[in-house]
Amino acid sequence: MAAAVLARFTRPSQVAIELIESQEIGTVGVGEATVPVIQVLNGLLGIDEADFLRKTEGTFKLGIEFRDWVRAGHTHFHFFGDFGAPIEGIAPHHHWQRLRQLGDPTPLGEYSLPYVMGKLGRFSPAQQGYKYAYHFDATLFAAVLRANAESRGVRRKEGKVVDVRLRSEDGFIEALTLESGERVEADFFIDASGFRGLLIEQALRTGYEDWSHWLPCDRAVAVPCASAGALSPYTVSSARPAGWQWRIPLQHRTGNGYVYCSRFVGDDEATGTLLGTLDGRPIAEPRLLRFTTGRRRQFWNRNCLAIGLAAGFMEPLESTSIQLVQTALARLIEMFPDGRFDSVISTEYNRVTVNEWERIRDFLILHYCATGRDDAPLWQYCRKLQLPDSLQHKMDVFRSSGRVPLFSEESYQEPSWVAIFLGQDVFPRRYDPLVDNISVEHLKRGMLQRRQAIRRLAESMPTHGDFIAQRCGSGRVGAT
């Protein structure tokens, strides 16, 4: 991704881009769900949506269904859309809260088009008012990106890095030595070496800020299985005693994984739980991943920028890893260095990026701390978390007034926070008092019309599976 983006925004006569990677070193390869900003990347790179989905066995993603996070049998949703236009300048969830206090049982999601589409299993990109993302095979997507990068002049070099040479005068990276003995010099280095942080950590000793006291899950076991049932246009996240399990439908298979805390469950038991809850037969051996949630103390250190897992990791709960790669690269283009590498620029890059990471961190913590579950040690631990001040402030303001205070570099806007707050039974004590300026009957009538219009629109759409088969199918939809 880095090579393709840099090649898109630079000229070969000005910047020479060399990609060093080894076929012998495996990739994590389980990241299959995204957020809507992925459309921006594909658009910038000139990647056609239908062709992309065919080549990556992709499907559409309207959001996430959360099962059992609040209590057993409870379901709530975070879909990529708002809850309609403001009414008299006031966000619709305040009006919904007023009707709820008057006894109206309608779920807030009924005012969100992607929610209704997801519940009905429908999809069409032709309508306004919502965003969507994708599920895809990450390894196949990497091949698409590699071809795109090489078509723009990126030179790929097969090899393993065995040594990193630093300049004695300032500690900048001077050159890499490959296993073949070849020496590769450059002005600027992007570390995409995964958890190892080959350049950013092993060579530059940047340091790591551990967030596992807030996000305690530290392992995942992943396995694909044969497709079964309808092709749902959303990811499923199901809470388990020691973590949560994902289900991601692709055209040719279903991706599954159990993210868990090793303090509360062993690897064998976690694997057994995952294999015992698959929709279809497993088609590969389970793969175990270990990680520590957190981030590098600096993302840009000297003449090295870390992206992806080399920069840090905040578990896959809201599919933010690929998003963070994208925003890191966009920020690099915005703050592209010259040969002087003024530390003021890298300091500003790090400041903005830290803010972005902390906002996402808080959003993920909310999923864990706002739970009614006390049936297992993990959930008991999460209910008692000492929250970051920034998240505590958000929760206090929302509980008091139904408002969501947003900070700089927020990835998730008010509708997303509202969806998780209300979905996990964090209800405000009051709504915006200006809502009472509208008569109850007028409000009821207007909200009913909204619901009915959304329902009619969703029902007019094809099913998700039919849309894919007709527009971007690989020929293996539902194959086992």
Foldseek 3Di string as FASTA:
>chain_A
DLLLLVLLQDACVVDAAEAEDAPVDDDPQQQFWAFQCVVVVCVSLVNDPLQLCLQFLKFKAQFEWEAQLFHHPAIFTQGFFFLDDADVPHGCVLLVVVVVVVPDPDDSCLSALSSLLLVVQFDDPPDDGGGMTMGGRVVSVVVVSVVSSVVSPYHYDHFAFDDWDADPPPRHTAWTATPVRDIGGDLAAEDAPAQVLVPCPVRVNQAWDFPCLLVVFWKKKKFKFADDDDQGNHKYWYADQFFIKIWHDGQGIIIIMGTGHCVFDPPVVRVVVRCVPDPHHTPDDIDMDGFTATAGPFQCDQRYGYAANSGGDDDCPRSCRVVRRVVLSVLCSVLPDDSVPPVVSSVVSRVLSVVQVVLVSLLVSLSQCLHNDDPHPSSVSSVPRPDDPVSVVQLVVCQAEVDGDDDPNHPDDDRSSSSSCVSSPSHHPHYDVCSVVDDPVVSVVVVVVSSVVSNVVSVVGDRSLVVCVVRRHNPRGSND
